[in-house]
Protein backbone atom coordinates (compact mmCIF):
# COMPACT_ATOMS: atom_id res chain seq x y z
CA MET A 1 0.00 0.00 0.00
CA VAL A 2 1.10 3.57 -0.48
CA GLU A 3 0.52 6.02 2.30
CA PRO A 4 -0.03 9.70 1.46
CA ASN A 5 3.68 10.24 2.23
CA GLY A 6 4.61 7.70 -0.47
CA SER A 7 5.71 4.88 1.84
CA LYS A 8 4.82 1.43 0.58
CA VAL A 9 3.38 -1.42 2.64
CA GLU A 10 4.19 -4.85 1.24
CA GLY A 11 1.43 -7.00 -0.25
CA ASN A 12 -0.85 -4.34 -1.71
CA SER A 13 -0.99 -2.72 -5.10
CA PRO A 14 0.27 0.88 -4.99
CA LEU A 15 -1.96 1.71 -7.95
CA LYS A 16 -5.06 0.38 -6.20
CA THR A 17 -4.24 2.35 -3.06
CA ILE A 18 -3.63 5.52 -5.06
CA ARG A 19 -6.84 4.98 -7.04
CA GLU A 20 -9.06 4.22 -4.05
CA ASN A 21 -7.58 6.25 -1.21
CA LEU A 22 -6.01 9.25 -2.91
CA LEU A 23 -8.07 9.66 -6.07
CA GLY A 24 -11.34 8.21 -4.75
CA MET A 25 -12.04 6.57 -8.10
CA SER A 26 -13.39 3.22 -9.24
CA GLN A 27 -11.46 1.12 -11.75
CA GLN A 28 -13.99 2.19 -14.38
CA GLU A 29 -13.49 5.88 -13.61
CA LEU A 30 -9.70 5.60 -13.75
CA ALA A 31 -9.83 3.62 -16.98
CA SER A 32 -12.15 6.19 -18.53
CA GLN A 33 -9.93 9.10 -17.45
CA LEU A 34 -6.85 7.38 -18.92
CA GLY A 35 -8.54 6.07 -22.07
CA ILE A 36 -7.77 2.43 -21.31
CA ALA A 37 -9.80 -0.71 -20.66
CA VAL A 38 -11.00 -1.53 -17.14
CA SER A 39 -9.36 -4.94 -17.57
CA THR A 40 -5.99 -3.19 -17.92
CA VAL A 41 -6.43 -1.40 -14.58
CA SER A 42 -7.52 -4.69 -13.02
CA ARG A 43 -4.48 -6.55 -14.39
CA TRP A 44 -2.12 -3.86 -13.09
CA GLU A 45 -3.71 -4.00 -9.65
CA ARG A 46 -3.46 -7.81 -9.55
CA GLY A 47 0.23 -7.63 -10.43
CA SER A 48 -0.13 -9.01 -13.96
CA GLY A 49 1.97 -6.17 -15.31
CA THR A 50 3.54 -2.93 -14.26
CA PRO A 51 1.65 0.24 -15.16
CA VAL A 52 3.17 2.18 -18.03
CA PHE A 53 1.59 5.55 -18.73
CA THR A 54 1.82 7.86 -21.70
CA PRO A 55 2.81 11.44 -20.85
CA GLY A 56 -0.83 12.48 -21.31
CA GLN A 57 -2.09 9.76 -18.99
CA PHE A 58 0.47 10.66 -16.36
CA LYS A 59 -0.55 14.32 -16.58
CA VAL A 60 -4.17 13.28 -15.89
CA ILE A 61 -3.07 11.36 -12.79
CA LEU A 62 -0.86 14.21 -11.57
CA ALA A 63 -3.63 16.78 -12.11
CA ARG A 64 -6.08 14.66 -10.09
CA LEU A 65 -3.54 14.15 -7.31
CA ALA A 66 -2.71 17.87 -7.26
CA THR A 67 -6.30 18.60 -6.26
CA LYS A 68 -5.57 16.50 -3.14
CA GLY A 69 -2.27 18.29 -2.44
CA ILE A 70 -0.16 15.33 -3.60
CA THR A 71 2.88 15.85 -5.81
CA LEU A 72 5.06 13.60 -7.95
CA GLU A 73 7.55 13.37 -5.08
CA ASP A 74 4.84 11.80 -2.89
CA LEU A 75 4.35 8.86 -5.28
CA PRO A 76 6.26 5.58 -5.03
CA ASP A 77 9.08 4.92 -7.47
CA ASP A 78 7.82 1.38 -8.05
CA TRP A 79 4.15 0.95 -9.05
CA SER A 80 4.37 -2.80 -9.46
CA ASN A 81 2.38 -5.07 -7.20
CA SER A 82 4.65 -6.32 -4.43
CA GLN A 83 2.82 -9.57 -3.66
């Protein structure tokens, strides 16, 4: 899990924690915002791949996080699932 300060707790998907706890979005909402399939978000959160974002997608995420007072420096360096 990723805490608001960016620390990671083993066994949880950082992307899922960011999506649910920091962005307050469903998988469908995140997928729609990023222009990807819900199944892609689900796979990333299960650890069946590491998220790779286009610059435009990353800007969407950063803009949403900025509304919560979270910056790039607050995010984990590794977004892979640590299960």
